[in-house]
Amino acid sequence: MEFKMKPIGFVRGGRTEATKDHWGNNRSRIELDAGQFDPEALAGLDQVSHIEVLFFFHLHADEPTERGARHPRDRTDWPQVGIFAQRGRMRPNRIGLSCCRVVAVNGLNVEVEGLDAVEGTPVLDIKPVWSGNFPRGSFREPAWAKELMANYW
């Protein structure tokens, strides 16, 4: 089965280049498409501190899709793990997910901090972060993932 998705908006401002680390202070805004939405689509979003943003990795579209395992960031001191056990951009559907802080909501714009997407990135969806969606029970992750994320934000 195949299907098409239409962006709900685009990332504006912030970084223009997709770098590996230090996204925490990146300030940008998500501009919703005025042809699809009016400001009431964002009503109440100013009541949450964080949102999850689903987006399309549009840069480096010619980069081969990973369907197996690889060393994250090509670091051979880290184990080879499958594409679904990491968050690399060369995923089969090139969908990114980021949790970022809501700074302000104005009209069709959501100003955010810590969104790891660049200027012009197509946004597929926005979801509020609620405590009820946090992981339940114990949480575990591999040591290499903690090391990878140490400078990410």
C-alpha atoms as a PDB file:
ATOM      1  CA  MET A   1       0.000   0.000   0.000  1.00  0.00           C
ATOM      2  CA  GLU A   2       1.192   3.506  -0.746  1.00  0.00           C
ATOM      3  CA  PHE A   3      -0.306   6.799   0.285  1.00  0.00           C
ATOM      4  CA  LYS A   4       0.496  10.476  -0.008  1.00  0.00           C
ATOM      5  CA  MET A   5       0.857  12.989   2.766  1.00  0.00           C
ATOM      6  CA  LYS A   6       0.527  16.726   2.463  1.00  0.00           C
ATOM      7  CA  PRO A   7       2.578  18.912   4.832  1.00  0.00           C
ATOM      8  CA  ILE A   8       0.504  20.840   7.357  1.00  0.00           C
ATOM      9  CA  GLY A   9       3.164  23.549   7.307  1.00  0.00           C
ATOM     10  CA  PHE A  10       6.883  24.241   7.266  1.00  0.00           C
ATOM     11  CA  VAL A  11       9.702  25.062   9.651  1.00  0.00           C
ATOM     12  CA  ARG A  12      10.816  28.679   9.310  1.00  0.00           C
ATOM     13  CA  GLY A  13      13.907  30.248  10.817  1.00  0.00           C
ATOM     14  CA  GLY A  14      16.429  28.505  12.992  1.00  0.00           C
ATOM     15  CA  ARG A  15      19.190  26.442  11.450  1.00  0.00           C
ATOM     16  CA  THR A  16      19.690  26.149   7.735  1.00  0.00           C
ATOM     17  CA  GLU A  17      22.073  23.215   7.959  1.00  0.00           C
ATOM     18  CA  ALA A  18      21.404  19.825   9.526  1.00  0.00           C
ATOM     19  CA  THR A  19      24.264  19.317  11.957  1.00  0.00           C
ATOM     20  CA  LYS A  20      24.662  16.475  14.414  1.00  0.00           C
ATOM     21  CA  ASP A  21      24.604  18.225  17.799  1.00  0.00           C
ATOM     22  CA  HIS A  22      23.647  21.251  19.919  1.00  0.00           C
ATOM     23  CA  TRP A  23      20.002  21.629  18.923  1.00  0.00           C
ATOM     24  CA  GLY A  24      18.790  22.655  22.379  1.00  0.00           C
ATOM     25  CA  ASN A  25      18.879  26.418  21.815  1.00  0.00           C
ATOM     26  CA  ASN A  26      17.652  26.263  18.221  1.00  0.00           C
ATOM     27  CA  ARG A  27      14.716  28.707  17.943  1.00  0.00           C
ATOM     28  CA  SER A  28      12.405  28.370  14.977  1.00  0.00           C
ATOM     29  CA  ARG A  29       8.722  28.487  14.188  1.00  0.00           C
ATOM     30  CA  ILE A  30       6.265  26.181  12.561  1.00  0.00           C
ATOM     31  CA  GLU A  31       4.047  28.008  10.072  1.00  0.00           C
ATOM     32  CA  LEU A  32       0.823  26.181   9.330  1.00  0.00           C
ATOM     33  CA  ASP A  33      -0.491  26.251   5.756  1.00  0.00           C
ATOM     34  CA  ALA A  34      -3.174  28.971   5.601  1.00  0.00           C
ATOM     35  CA  GLY A  35      -4.805  27.119   2.718  1.00  0.00           C
ATOM     36  CA  GLN A  36      -5.623  24.207   5.027  1.00  0.00           C
ATOM     37  CA  PHE A  37      -5.996  25.773   8.468  1.00  0.00           C
ATOM     38  CA  ASP A  38      -7.060  28.845  10.333  1.00  0.00           C
ATOM     39  CA  PRO A  39      -5.771  29.870  13.772  1.00  0.00           C
ATOM     40  CA  GLU A  40      -8.385  27.828  15.643  1.00  0.00           C
ATOM     41  CA  ALA A  41      -6.401  24.701  14.674  1.00  0.00           C
ATOM     42  CA  LEU A  42      -3.858  25.817  17.296  1.00  0.00           C
ATOM     43  CA  ALA A  43      -6.411  26.795  19.969  1.00  0.00           C
ATOM     44  CA  GLY A  44      -5.252  25.537  23.364  1.00  0.00           C
ATOM     45  CA  LEU A  45      -1.733  24.663  22.221  1.00  0.00           C
ATOM     46  CA  ASP A  46      -0.428  27.542  24.346  1.00  0.00           C
ATOM     47  CA  GLN A  47      -1.525  25.513  27.386  1.00  0.00           C
ATOM     48  CA  VAL A  48       1.184  22.868  26.897  1.00  0.00           C
ATOM     49  CA  SER A  49       4.896  23.282  27.492  1.00  0.00           C
ATOM     50  CA  HIS A  50       6.063  20.838  24.813  1.00  0.00           C
ATOM     51  CA  ILE A  51       4.935  19.395  21.501  1.00  0.00           C
ATOM     52  CA  GLU A  52       6.005  16.469  19.380  1.00  0.00           C
ATOM     53  CA  VAL A  53       6.615  17.432  15.781  1.00  0.00           C
ATOM     54  CA  LEU A  54       6.577  14.854  13.006  1.00  0.00           C
ATOM     55  CA  PHE A  55       8.409  16.001   9.908  1.00  0.00           C
ATOM     56  CA  PHE A  56       9.889  14.819   6.644  1.00  0.00           C
ATOM     57  CA  PHE A  57      13.678  14.592   6.279  1.00  0.00           C
ATOM     58  CA  HIS A  58      13.746  16.479   2.971  1.00  0.00           C
ATOM     59  CA  LEU A  59      17.475  17.207   2.814  1.00  0.00           C
ATOM     60  CA  HIS A  60      19.855  14.667   1.300  1.00  0.00           C
ATOM     61  CA  ALA A  61      16.941  12.868  -0.386  1.00  0.00           C
ATOM     62  CA  ASP A  62      19.438  11.151  -2.681  1.00  0.00           C
ATOM     63  CA  GLU A  63      21.136   9.486   0.299  1.00  0.00           C
ATOM     64  CA  PRO A  64      20.528   5.724   0.169  1.00  0.00           C
ATOM     65  CA  THR A  65      17.759   4.411   2.412  1.00  0.00           C
ATOM     66  CA  GLU A  66      18.971   2.153   5.192  1.00  0.00           C
ATOM     67  CA  ARG A  67      17.020  -1.079   5.490  1.00  0.00           C
ATOM     68  CA  GLY A  68      19.382  -3.095   7.643  1.00  0.00           C
ATOM     69  CA  ALA A  69      21.944  -2.390  10.358  1.00  0.00           C
ATOM     70  CA  ARG A  70      24.738   0.137  10.575  1.00  0.00           C
ATOM     71  CA  HIS A  71      26.985   1.820  13.101  1.00  0.00           C
ATOM     72  CA  PRO A  72      25.221   4.993  14.318  1.00  0.00           C
ATOM     73  CA  ARG A  73      27.114   8.041  13.028  1.00  0.00           C
ATOM     74  CA  ASP A  74      29.526   5.574  11.397  1.00  0.00           C
ATOM     75  CA  ARG A  75      31.211   5.080  14.775  1.00  0.00           C
ATOM     76  CA  THR A  76      32.701   1.610  14.695  1.00  0.00           C
ATOM     77  CA  ASP A  77      33.170   1.736  18.485  1.00  0.00           C
ATOM     78  CA  TRP A  78      29.356   1.607  18.710  1.00  0.00           C
ATOM     79  CA  PRO A  79      27.507  -1.576  17.731  1.00  0.00           C
ATOM     80  CA  GLN A  80      25.789  -2.114  14.419  1.00  0.00           C
ATOM     81  CA  VAL A  81      22.075  -1.763  15.052  1.00  0.00           C
ATOM     82  CA  GLY A  82      19.064  -1.871  12.782  1.00  0.00           C
ATOM     83  CA  ILE A  83      17.592   1.338  11.405  1.00  0.00           C
ATOM     84  CA  PHE A  84      14.562   0.860  13.668  1.00  0.00           C
ATOM     85  CA  ALA A  85      16.823   0.742  16.756  1.00  0.00           C
ATOM     86  CA  GLN A  86      18.199   4.222  16.005  1.00  0.00           C
ATOM     87  CA  ARG A  87      16.919   7.604  14.895  1.00  0.00           C
ATOM     88  CA  GLY A  88      18.941   8.259  11.715  1.00  0.00           C
ATOM     89  CA  ARG A  89      17.462  10.282   8.867  1.00  0.00           C
ATOM     90  CA  MET A  90      17.947   7.636   6.162  1.00  0.00           C
ATOM     91  CA  ARG A  91      14.872   5.767   7.347  1.00  0.00           C
ATOM     92  CA  PRO A  92      12.574   4.038   4.840  1.00  0.00           C
ATOM     93  CA  ASN A  93       9.930   6.798   5.019  1.00  0.00           C
ATOM     94  CA  ARG A  94      12.252   9.606   6.170  1.00  0.00           C
ATOM     95  CA  ILE A  95       9.935  10.613   9.018  1.00  0.00           C
ATOM     96  CA  GLY A  96      11.508  12.562  11.856  1.00  0.00           C
ATOM     97  CA  LEU A  97      10.102  13.075  15.349  1.00  0.00           C
ATOM     98  CA  SER A  98      11.172  15.757  17.786  1.00  0.00           C
ATOM     99  CA  CYS A  99       9.949  16.878  21.175  1.00  0.00           C
ATOM    100  CA  CYS A 100      10.422  20.639  21.588  1.00  0.00           C
ATOM    101  CA  ARG A 101       9.404  23.462  23.900  1.00  0.00           C
ATOM    102  CA  VAL A 102       6.529  25.757  22.948  1.00  0.00           C
ATOM    103  CA  VAL A 103       7.659  29.378  23.267  1.00  0.00           C
ATOM    104  CA  ALA A 104       4.573  31.101  21.815  1.00  0.00           C
ATOM    105  CA  VAL A 105       1.513  30.511  19.666  1.00  0.00           C
ATOM    106  CA  ASN A 106       0.506  33.366  17.374  1.00  0.00           C
ATOM    107  CA  GLY A 107      -2.101  32.977  14.648  1.00  0.00           C
ATOM    108  CA  LEU A 108      -0.907  30.102  12.453  1.00  0.00           C
ATOM    109  CA  ASN A 109       2.606  30.105  13.941  1.00  0.00           C
ATOM    110  CA  VAL A 110       4.105  28.074  16.764  1.00  0.00           C
ATOM    111  CA  GLU A 111       7.451  29.395  17.986  1.00  0.00           C
ATOM    112  CA  VAL A 112       9.527  26.559  19.391  1.00  0.00           C
ATOM    113  CA  GLU A 113      12.892  25.863  20.967  1.00  0.00           C
ATOM    114  CA  GLY A 114      14.842  22.641  20.508  1.00  0.00           C
ATOM    115  CA  LEU A 115      13.270  21.460  17.253  1.00  0.00           C
ATOM    116  CA  ASP A 116      15.928  19.473  15.407  1.00  0.00           C
ATOM    117  CA  ALA A 117      14.648  20.337  11.943  1.00  0.00           C
ATOM    118  CA  VAL A 118      15.971  23.003   9.585  1.00  0.00           C
ATOM    119  CA  GLU A 119      14.507  25.922   7.645  1.00  0.00           C
ATOM    120  CA  GLY A 120      12.061  24.661   5.026  1.00  0.00           C
ATOM    121  CA  THR A 121      11.417  21.263   6.610  1.00  0.00           C
ATOM    122  CA  PRO A 122       7.918  19.969   5.776  1.00  0.00           C
ATOM    123  CA  VAL A 123       5.895  19.386   8.953  1.00  0.00           C
ATOM    124  CA  LEU A 124       3.536  16.384   8.870  1.00  0.00           C
ATOM    125  CA  ASP A 125       1.850  16.700  12.272  1.00  0.00           C
ATOM    126  CA  ILE A 126       1.997  18.358  15.691  1.00  0.00           C
ATOM    127  CA  LYS A 127       0.925  16.632  18.901  1.00  0.00           C
ATOM    128  CA  PRO A 128       0.838  17.931  22.473  1.00  0.00           C
ATOM    129  CA  VAL A 129       3.083  16.229  25.013  1.00  0.00           C
ATOM    130  CA  TRP A 130       1.055  15.052  27.977  1.00  0.00           C
ATOM    131  CA  SER A 131       2.393  13.281  31.047  1.00  0.00           C
ATOM    132  CA  GLY A 132       0.027  10.398  30.314  1.00  0.00           C
ATOM    133  CA  ASN A 133       2.053   9.654  27.185  1.00  0.00           C
ATOM    134  CA  PHE A 134       5.336   9.275  29.060  1.00  0.00           C
ATOM    135  CA  PRO A 135       6.771   5.747  29.208  1.00  0.00           C
ATOM    136  CA  ARG A 136       5.198   3.565  31.860  1.00  0.00           C
ATOM    137  CA  GLY A 137       7.297   1.217  33.933  1.00  0.00           C
ATOM    138  CA  SER A 138      11.069   1.052  33.841  1.00  0.00           C
ATOM    139  CA  PHE A 139      12.998   2.648  31.012  1.00  0.00           C
ATOM    140  CA  ARG A 140      16.156   1.318  29.404  1.00  0.00           C
ATOM    141  CA  GLU A 141      18.457   2.334  26.590  1.00  0.00           C
ATOM    142  CA  PRO A 142      21.908   1.262  25.412  1.00  0.00           C
ATOM    143  CA  ALA A 143      24.997   3.113  26.633  1.00  0.00           C
ATOM    144  CA  TRP A 144      25.950   4.162  23.085  1.00  0.00           C
ATOM    145  CA  ALA A 145      22.609   5.992  22.728  1.00  0.00           C
ATOM    146  CA  LYS A 146      23.239   7.976  25.911  1.00  0.00           C
ATOM    147  CA  GLU A 147      26.705   8.849  24.574  1.00  0.00           C
ATOM    148  CA  LEU A 148      25.266   9.878  21.198  1.00  0.00           C
ATOM    149  CA  MET A 149      22.711  12.168  22.836  1.00  0.00           C
ATOM    150  CA  ALA A 150      25.116  13.720  25.370  1.00  0.00           C
ATOM    151  CA  ASN A 151      25.759  16.752  23.134  1.00  0.00           C
ATOM    152  CA  TYR A 152      22.641  16.558  20.973  1.00  0.00           C
ATOM    153  CA  TRP A 153      20.665  19.109  22.942  1.00  0.00           C
END
